Amino acid sequence: MQDLGHPELADDTGARVVAFWHAWAARPASDAVSLVAIGEHRLLYAPTRLRRRLEGIPFTVEALIEALGDDLVELVGEARLAYGDAGTLRLVPADGVIEISDSDPRLVALRETADPFDWREAAVDEPGAARFGVVDDGALLATANVQLWAHAIGRLGVFTTAHARRRGLATKVGSAAAQFSLDVGGIPQWRSRMTNSSSARVAERLGFVVIGRQIYARVRVGG
């Protein structure tokens, strides 16, 4: 993980990212727990009843599982948090990329052929501020959406159908989504599961800088 003072990422970018996560951690939670590390900052998002138990635990999946005990419903996993700004991003031409709607039927068709785990990680079917895609012969091959969080972060979701991978389509739709985020004043965020090296490589190719990690779990409500 790189420091917030990394020369490729503007200091203001890092400060805005930290401010966003601090505000996020202060929100009420009901059925989710998340540990976020950004530089030297360690943030906890959790239901009030679990906070005392979780504060100060080591930043590891194993420590979270142990601390949650019977309250754990599902461990979603650990992911990198990468960000880009005008000084780091190396976006590519978006030729062949079109803007589509969240209700486009081709998105439904893409979801039906996708691996459920990969699709869920990408979160590309969640409503957003903008959505982009690459279409061939009437079928959606790749898509990226942008969710604007608190007018500060442009959370990118990127997915390419299995048979169309290794053709640079994720780079193209990801570039379009990142550019949209910059245009509306957001900081593009690329989140990739720690075991998803392909996603991480696309993010690095586009100039995203990893400055954080997140461990996320779903927990029992109440109790």
C-alpha atoms as a PDB file:
ATOM      1  CA  MET A   1       0.000   0.000   0.000  1.00  0.00           C
ATOM      2  CA  GLN A   2       1.341   3.406  -0.917  1.00  0.00           C
ATOM      3  CA  ASP A   3       1.403   6.483   1.291  1.00  0.00           C
ATOM      4  CA  LEU A   4      -0.896   9.428   0.752  1.00  0.00           C
ATOM      5  CA  GLY A   5       2.189  11.499  -0.022  1.00  0.00           C
ATOM      6  CA  HIS A   6       3.003   9.358  -3.066  1.00  0.00           C
ATOM      7  CA  PRO A   7       4.329  11.833  -5.668  1.00  0.00           C
ATOM      8  CA  GLU A   8       1.996  10.559  -8.367  1.00  0.00           C
ATOM      9  CA  LEU A   9      -1.164  11.397  -6.431  1.00  0.00           C
ATOM     10  CA  ALA A  10      -1.912  14.988  -5.489  1.00  0.00           C
ATOM     11  CA  ASP A  11      -2.009  15.748  -1.759  1.00  0.00           C
ATOM     12  CA  ASP A  12      -5.474  17.215  -2.161  1.00  0.00           C
ATOM     13  CA  THR A  13      -6.700  13.963  -3.694  1.00  0.00           C
ATOM     14  CA  GLY A  14      -5.510  11.957  -0.704  1.00  0.00           C
ATOM     15  CA  ALA A  15      -7.014  14.465   1.723  1.00  0.00           C
ATOM     16  CA  ARG A  16     -10.396  14.308  -0.016  1.00  0.00           C
ATOM     17  CA  VAL A  17     -10.350  10.509   0.013  1.00  0.00           C
ATOM     18  CA  VAL A  18      -9.576  10.434   3.747  1.00  0.00           C
ATOM     19  CA  ALA A  19     -12.298  12.995   4.479  1.00  0.00           C
ATOM     20  CA  PHE A  20     -14.828  10.928   2.562  1.00  0.00           C
ATOM     21  CA  TRP A  21     -14.045   7.726   4.464  1.00  0.00           C
ATOM     22  CA  HIS A  22     -14.132   9.490   7.825  1.00  0.00           C
ATOM     23  CA  ALA A  23     -17.627  10.791   7.022  1.00  0.00           C
ATOM     24  CA  TRP A  24     -18.636   7.357   5.749  1.00  0.00           C
ATOM     25  CA  ALA A  25     -17.475   5.615   8.943  1.00  0.00           C
ATOM     26  CA  ALA A  26     -19.581   7.973  11.053  1.00  0.00           C
ATOM     27  CA  ARG A  27     -22.834   6.921   9.367  1.00  0.00           C
ATOM     28  CA  PRO A  28     -25.211   4.481  11.094  1.00  0.00           C
ATOM     29  CA  ALA A  29     -24.859   0.814  10.148  1.00  0.00           C
ATOM     30  CA  SER A  30     -27.287  -2.062  10.539  1.00  0.00           C
ATOM     31  CA  ASP A  31     -26.183  -5.254   8.779  1.00  0.00           C
ATOM     32  CA  ALA A  32     -22.636  -4.496   7.592  1.00  0.00           C
ATOM     33  CA  VAL A  33     -19.152  -4.158   9.035  1.00  0.00           C
ATOM     34  CA  SER A  34     -16.226  -2.719   7.160  1.00  0.00           C
ATOM     35  CA  LEU A  35     -12.624  -2.026   8.083  1.00  0.00           C
ATOM     36  CA  VAL A  36     -10.889   0.555   5.904  1.00  0.00           C
ATOM     37  CA  ALA A  37      -7.207   1.451   5.921  1.00  0.00           C
ATOM     38  CA  ILE A  38      -6.130   4.584   4.033  1.00  0.00           C
ATOM     39  CA  GLY A  39      -2.486   5.405   4.629  1.00  0.00           C
ATOM     40  CA  GLU A  40      -2.095   5.588   8.407  1.00  0.00           C
ATOM     41  CA  HIS A  41      -5.835   5.985   8.926  1.00  0.00           C
ATOM     42  CA  ARG A  42      -7.844   3.026  10.269  1.00  0.00           C
ATOM     43  CA  LEU A  43     -11.614   3.402  10.028  1.00  0.00           C
ATOM     44  CA  LEU A  44     -14.461   1.236  11.281  1.00  0.00           C
ATOM     45  CA  TYR A  45     -18.004   1.123   9.920  1.00  0.00           C
ATOM     46  CA  ALA A  46     -20.218  -1.057  12.102  1.00  0.00           C
ATOM     47  CA  PRO A  47     -23.491  -1.226  14.047  1.00  0.00           C
ATOM     48  CA  THR A  48     -23.273   0.562  17.377  1.00  0.00           C
ATOM     49  CA  ARG A  49     -23.651  -2.682  19.332  1.00  0.00           C
ATOM     50  CA  LEU A  50     -20.501  -4.114  17.702  1.00  0.00           C
ATOM     51  CA  ARG A  51     -18.236  -1.084  17.758  1.00  0.00           C
ATOM     52  CA  ARG A  52     -16.643  -1.605  21.151  1.00  0.00           C
ATOM     53  CA  ARG A  53     -15.865  -5.226  20.287  1.00  0.00           C
ATOM     54  CA  LEU A  54     -14.244  -4.302  16.952  1.00  0.00           C
ATOM     55  CA  GLU A  55     -12.329  -1.140  17.782  1.00  0.00           C
ATOM     56  CA  GLY A  56      -8.591  -1.681  17.689  1.00  0.00           C
ATOM     57  CA  ILE A  57      -8.583  -5.208  16.263  1.00  0.00           C
ATOM     58  CA  PRO A  58      -5.764  -6.061  13.826  1.00  0.00           C
ATOM     59  CA  PHE A  59      -6.505  -5.219  10.188  1.00  0.00           C
ATOM     60  CA  THR A  60      -6.851  -8.812   9.023  1.00  0.00           C
ATOM     61  CA  VAL A  61      -9.669 -11.013   7.783  1.00  0.00           C
ATOM     62  CA  GLU A  62      -8.879 -13.551  10.507  1.00  0.00           C
ATOM     63  CA  ALA A  63      -9.135 -10.959  13.280  1.00  0.00           C
ATOM     64  CA  LEU A  64     -12.486  -9.713  11.980  1.00  0.00           C
ATOM     65  CA  ILE A  65     -13.913 -13.228  11.770  1.00  0.00           C
ATOM     66  CA  GLU A  66     -12.788 -14.004  15.308  1.00  0.00           C
ATOM     67  CA  ALA A  67     -14.139 -10.748  16.719  1.00  0.00           C
ATOM     68  CA  LEU A  68     -17.542 -11.095  15.058  1.00  0.00           C
ATOM     69  CA  GLY A  69     -18.100 -14.677  16.126  1.00  0.00           C
ATOM     70  CA  ASP A  70     -21.731 -15.758  15.762  1.00  0.00           C
ATOM     71  CA  ASP A  71     -22.682 -12.289  14.490  1.00  0.00           C
ATOM     72  CA  LEU A  72     -20.938 -12.984  11.174  1.00  0.00           C
ATOM     73  CA  VAL A  73     -23.374 -13.795   8.351  1.00  0.00           C
ATOM     74  CA  GLU A  74     -21.075 -13.522   5.328  1.00  0.00           C
ATOM     75  CA  LEU A  75     -17.472 -12.528   4.792  1.00  0.00           C
ATOM     76  CA  VAL A  76     -17.494 -10.573   1.529  1.00  0.00           C
ATOM     77  CA  GLY A  77     -13.706 -10.294   1.516  1.00  0.00           C
ATOM     78  CA  GLU A  78     -10.753  -7.943   1.270  1.00  0.00           C
ATOM     79  CA  ALA A  79     -10.120  -5.495  -1.558  1.00  0.00           C
ATOM     80  CA  ARG A  80      -7.672  -2.860  -2.732  1.00  0.00           C
ATOM     81  CA  LEU A  81      -8.814   0.753  -2.888  1.00  0.00           C
ATOM     82  CA  ALA A  82      -7.177   2.637  -5.741  1.00  0.00           C
ATOM     83  CA  TYR A  83      -7.717   6.233  -6.842  1.00  0.00           C
ATOM     84  CA  GLY A  84      -6.707   8.421  -9.727  1.00  0.00           C
ATOM     85  CA  ASP A  85      -6.543  12.095 -10.548  1.00  0.00           C
ATOM     86  CA  ALA A  86      -5.450  14.274 -13.442  1.00  0.00           C
ATOM     87  CA  GLY A  87      -1.811  13.731 -12.525  1.00  0.00           C
ATOM     88  CA  THR A  88      -1.880   9.930 -12.423  1.00  0.00           C
ATOM     89  CA  LEU A  89      -4.507   8.704 -14.847  1.00  0.00           C
ATOM     90  CA  ARG A  90      -3.458   7.430 -18.262  1.00  0.00           C
ATOM     91  CA  LEU A  91      -6.829   7.145 -19.942  1.00  0.00           C
ATOM     92  CA  VAL A  92      -7.246   5.674 -23.413  1.00  0.00           C
ATOM     93  CA  PRO A  93      -9.435   6.761 -26.336  1.00  0.00           C
ATOM     94  CA  ALA A  94     -13.021   5.639 -25.900  1.00  0.00           C
ATOM     95  CA  ASP A  95     -13.617   4.687 -29.529  1.00  0.00           C
ATOM     96  CA  GLY A  96     -16.399   2.144 -29.741  1.00  0.00           C
ATOM     97  CA  VAL A  97     -17.684   3.044 -26.260  1.00  0.00           C
ATOM     98  CA  ILE A  98     -21.281   4.265 -26.013  1.00  0.00           C
ATOM     99  CA  GLU A  99     -23.354   5.609 -23.146  1.00  0.00           C
ATOM    100  CA  ILE A 100     -26.235   3.333 -22.154  1.00  0.00           C
ATOM    101  CA  SER A 101     -28.963   3.423 -19.532  1.00  0.00           C
ATOM    102  CA  ASP A 102     -29.328   1.387 -16.347  1.00  0.00           C
ATOM    103  CA  SER A 103     -32.483  -0.133 -17.835  1.00  0.00           C
ATOM    104  CA  ASP A 104     -30.856  -1.291 -21.082  1.00  0.00           C
ATOM    105  CA  PRO A 105     -32.058  -4.882 -21.740  1.00  0.00           C
ATOM    106  CA  ARG A 106     -28.579  -5.789 -22.961  1.00  0.00           C
ATOM    107  CA  LEU A 107     -27.377  -5.305 -19.390  1.00  0.00           C
ATOM    108  CA  VAL A 108     -29.839  -7.946 -18.199  1.00  0.00           C
ATOM    109  CA  ALA A 109     -28.601 -10.347 -20.883  1.00  0.00           C
ATOM    110  CA  LEU A 110     -24.993  -9.737 -19.822  1.00  0.00           C
ATOM    111  CA  ARG A 111     -25.830 -10.453 -16.188  1.00  0.00           C
ATOM    112  CA  GLU A 112     -27.517 -13.747 -17.104  1.00  0.00           C
ATOM    113  CA  THR A 113     -24.317 -15.053 -18.723  1.00  0.00           C
ATOM    114  CA  ALA A 114     -21.966 -13.757 -15.983  1.00  0.00           C
ATOM    115  CA  ASP A 115     -20.399 -15.638 -13.113  1.00  0.00           C
ATOM    116  CA  PRO A 116     -22.514 -14.514 -10.115  1.00  0.00           C
ATOM    117  CA  PHE A 117     -19.482 -13.908  -7.886  1.00  0.00           C
ATOM    118  CA  ASP A 118     -17.665 -11.810 -10.508  1.00  0.00           C
ATOM    119  CA  TRP A 119     -20.834  -9.877 -11.285  1.00  0.00           C
ATOM    120  CA  ARG A 120     -21.482  -9.108  -7.640  1.00  0.00           C
ATOM    121  CA  GLU A 121     -17.929  -7.901  -7.101  1.00  0.00           C
ATOM    122  CA  ALA A 122     -18.136  -5.554 -10.080  1.00  0.00           C
ATOM    123  CA  ALA A 123     -21.469  -4.097  -8.851  1.00  0.00           C
ATOM    124  CA  VAL A 124     -22.195  -2.908 -12.382  1.00  0.00           C
ATOM    125  CA  ASP A 125     -25.951  -3.391 -12.198  1.00  0.00           C
ATOM    126  CA  GLU A 126     -26.344  -0.868  -9.399  1.00  0.00           C
ATOM    127  CA  PRO A 127     -27.878   2.461 -10.504  1.00  0.00           C
ATOM    128  CA  GLY A 128     -25.348   5.180 -11.127  1.00  0.00           C
ATOM    129  CA  ALA A 129     -24.757   8.645 -12.488  1.00  0.00           C
ATOM    130  CA  ALA A 130     -23.532   7.285 -15.823  1.00  0.00           C
ATOM    131  CA  ARG A 131     -23.023   3.970 -17.608  1.00  0.00           C
ATOM    132  CA  PHE A 132     -20.866   3.063 -20.586  1.00  0.00           C
ATOM    133  CA  GLY A 133     -20.624  -0.026 -22.741  1.00  0.00           C
ATOM    134  CA  VAL A 134     -19.140  -1.757 -25.750  1.00  0.00           C
ATOM    135  CA  VAL A 135     -21.672  -3.508 -27.981  1.00  0.00           C
ATOM    136  CA  ASP A 136     -20.973  -6.009 -30.742  1.00  0.00           C
ATOM    137  CA  ASP A 137     -23.651  -7.612 -32.907  1.00  0.00           C
ATOM    138  CA  GLY A 138     -26.327  -6.379 -30.537  1.00  0.00           C
ATOM    139  CA  ALA A 139     -24.720  -7.872 -27.415  1.00  0.00           C
ATOM    140  CA  LEU A 140     -23.160  -5.925 -24.552  1.00  0.00           C
ATOM    141  CA  LEU A 141     -19.593  -7.183 -24.122  1.00  0.00           C
ATOM    142  CA  ALA A 142     -18.330  -4.790 -21.455  1.00  0.00           C
ATOM    143  CA  THR A 143     -19.800  -2.136 -19.228  1.00  0.00           C
ATOM    144  CA  ALA A 144     -18.727   0.361 -16.583  1.00  0.00           C
ATOM    145  CA  ASN A 145     -20.867   2.477 -14.313  1.00  0.00           C
ATOM    146  CA  VAL A 146     -20.121   5.421 -12.038  1.00  0.00           C
ATOM    147  CA  GLN A 147     -21.724   5.922  -8.651  1.00  0.00           C
ATOM    148  CA  LEU A 148     -21.125   9.364  -7.191  1.00  0.00           C
ATOM    149  CA  TRP A 149     -20.622   9.144  -3.451  1.00  0.00           C
ATOM    150  CA  ALA A 150     -21.123  12.370  -1.473  1.00  0.00           C
ATOM    151  CA  HIS A 151     -20.102  14.448  -4.509  1.00  0.00           C
ATOM    152  CA  ALA A 152     -16.530  13.355  -3.767  1.00  0.00           C
ATOM    153  CA  ILE A 153     -15.866   9.816  -4.997  1.00  0.00           C
ATOM    154  CA  GLY A 154     -16.745   8.332  -8.368  1.00  0.00           C
ATOM    155  CA  ARG A 155     -16.996   4.626  -7.582  1.00  0.00           C
ATOM    156  CA  LEU A 156     -16.323   2.687 -10.799  1.00  0.00           C
ATOM    157  CA  GLY A 157     -17.801  -0.720 -11.503  1.00  0.00           C
ATOM    158  CA  VAL A 158     -16.319  -2.527 -14.511  1.00  0.00           C
ATOM    159  CA  PHE A 159     -17.248  -5.879 -16.052  1.00  0.00           C
ATOM    160  CA  THR A 160     -16.353  -7.722 -19.265  1.00  0.00           C
ATOM    161  CA  THR A 161     -18.032 -10.921 -20.413  1.00  0.00           C
ATOM    162  CA  ALA A 162     -15.705 -13.928 -20.197  1.00  0.00           C
ATOM    163  CA  HIS A 163     -15.333 -14.596 -23.934  1.00  0.00           C
ATOM    164  CA  ALA A 164     -14.410 -10.965 -24.679  1.00  0.00           C
ATOM    165  CA  ARG A 165     -11.644 -10.535 -22.126  1.00  0.00           C
ATOM    166  CA  ARG A 166      -8.008  -9.753 -22.979  1.00  0.00           C
ATOM    167  CA  ARG A 167      -9.167  -7.384 -25.719  1.00  0.00           C
ATOM    168  CA  GLY A 168      -8.747  -4.140 -23.769  1.00  0.00           C
ATOM    169  CA  LEU A 169     -12.489  -3.575 -23.349  1.00  0.00           C
ATOM    170  CA  ALA A 170     -12.284  -3.098 -19.565  1.00  0.00           C
ATOM    171  CA  THR A 171      -9.621  -0.459 -20.154  1.00  0.00           C
ATOM    172  CA  LYS A 172     -11.866   1.368 -22.624  1.00  0.00           C
ATOM    173  CA  VAL A 173     -15.062   1.418 -20.577  1.00  0.00           C
ATOM    174  CA  GLY A 174     -13.058   2.083 -17.409  1.00  0.00           C
ATOM    175  CA  SER A 175     -11.439   5.077 -19.091  1.00  0.00           C
ATOM    176  CA  ALA A 176     -14.818   6.476 -20.094  1.00  0.00           C
ATOM    177  CA  ALA A 177     -16.139   6.060 -16.559  1.00  0.00           C
ATOM    178  CA  ALA A 178     -13.049   7.620 -14.991  1.00  0.00           C
ATOM    179  CA  GLN A 179     -13.231  10.585 -17.347  1.00  0.00           C
ATOM    180  CA  PHE A 180     -16.877  11.144 -16.456  1.00  0.00           C
ATOM    181  CA  SER A 181     -15.996  11.103 -12.769  1.00  0.00           C
ATOM    182  CA  LEU A 182     -13.286  13.713 -13.290  1.00  0.00           C
ATOM    183  CA  ASP A 183     -15.600  15.859 -15.406  1.00  0.00           C
ATOM    184  CA  VAL A 184     -18.164  16.102 -12.590  1.00  0.00           C
ATOM    185  CA  GLY A 185     -15.545  16.796  -9.932  1.00  0.00           C
ATOM    186  CA  GLY A 186     -15.275  13.319  -8.435  1.00  0.00           C
ATOM    187  CA  ILE A 187     -12.197  11.259  -7.639  1.00  0.00           C
ATOM    188  CA  PRO A 188     -12.366   7.989  -9.582  1.00  0.00           C
ATOM    189  CA  GLN A 189     -12.135   4.916  -7.329  1.00  0.00           C
ATOM    190  CA  TRP A 190     -11.243   1.427  -8.527  1.00  0.00           C
ATOM    191  CA  ARG A 191     -11.973  -1.351  -6.033  1.00  0.00           C
ATOM    192  CA  SER A 192     -10.593  -4.826  -6.754  1.00  0.00           C
ATOM    193  CA  ARG A 193     -10.668  -7.988  -4.673  1.00  0.00           C
ATOM    194  CA  MET A 194      -7.186  -8.914  -3.397  1.00  0.00           C
ATOM    195  CA  THR A 195      -7.296 -12.144  -5.415  1.00  0.00           C
ATOM    196  CA  ASN A 196      -8.442 -10.432  -8.626  1.00  0.00           C
ATOM    197  CA  SER A 197      -5.097  -9.660 -10.225  1.00  0.00           C
ATOM    198  CA  SER A 198      -6.662  -9.025 -13.652  1.00  0.00           C
ATOM    199  CA  SER A 199      -8.745  -6.135 -12.331  1.00  0.00           C
ATOM    200  CA  ALA A 200      -5.747  -4.750 -10.468  1.00  0.00           C
ATOM    201  CA  ARG A 201      -3.654  -4.807 -13.647  1.00  0.00           C
ATOM    202  CA  VAL A 202      -6.289  -2.853 -15.584  1.00  0.00           C
ATOM    203  CA  ALA A 203      -6.435  -0.262 -12.800  1.00  0.00           C
ATOM    204  CA  GLU A 204      -2.651   0.071 -12.726  1.00  0.00           C
ATOM    205  CA  ARG A 205      -2.534   0.390 -16.510  1.00  0.00           C
ATOM    206  CA  LEU A 206      -4.980   3.289 -16.296  1.00  0.00           C
ATOM    207  CA  GLY A 207      -2.910   5.043 -13.640  1.00  0.00           C
ATOM    208  CA  PHE A 208      -4.896   4.268 -10.508  1.00  0.00           C
ATOM    209  CA  VAL A 209      -2.812   4.332  -7.326  1.00  0.00           C
ATOM    210  CA  VAL A 210      -3.523   1.884  -4.501  1.00  0.00           C
ATOM    211  CA  ILE A 211      -3.589   3.776  -1.204  1.00  0.00           C
ATOM    212  CA  GLY A 212      -5.938   1.639   0.833  1.00  0.00           C
ATOM    213  CA  ARG A 213      -7.637  -1.640   1.625  1.00  0.00           C
ATOM    214  CA  GLN A 214     -11.110  -2.623   2.751  1.00  0.00           C
ATOM    215  CA  ILE A 215     -12.410  -5.715   4.549  1.00  0.00           C
ATOM    216  CA  TYR A 216     -16.182  -6.103   4.353  1.00  0.00           C
ATOM    217  CA  ALA A 217     -18.645  -8.450   6.041  1.00  0.00           C
ATOM    218  CA  ARG A 218     -22.374  -8.813   6.541  1.00  0.00           C
ATOM    219  CA  VAL A 219     -23.586  -9.324  10.086  1.00  0.00           C
ATOM    220  CA  ARG A 220     -26.673 -10.346  12.005  1.00  0.00           C
ATOM    221  CA  VAL A 221     -29.150  -7.533  12.582  1.00  0.00           C
ATOM    222  CA  GLY A 222     -29.930  -6.716  16.203  1.00  0.00           C
ATOM    223  CA  GLY A 223     -29.104  -9.017  19.056  1.00  0.00           C
END
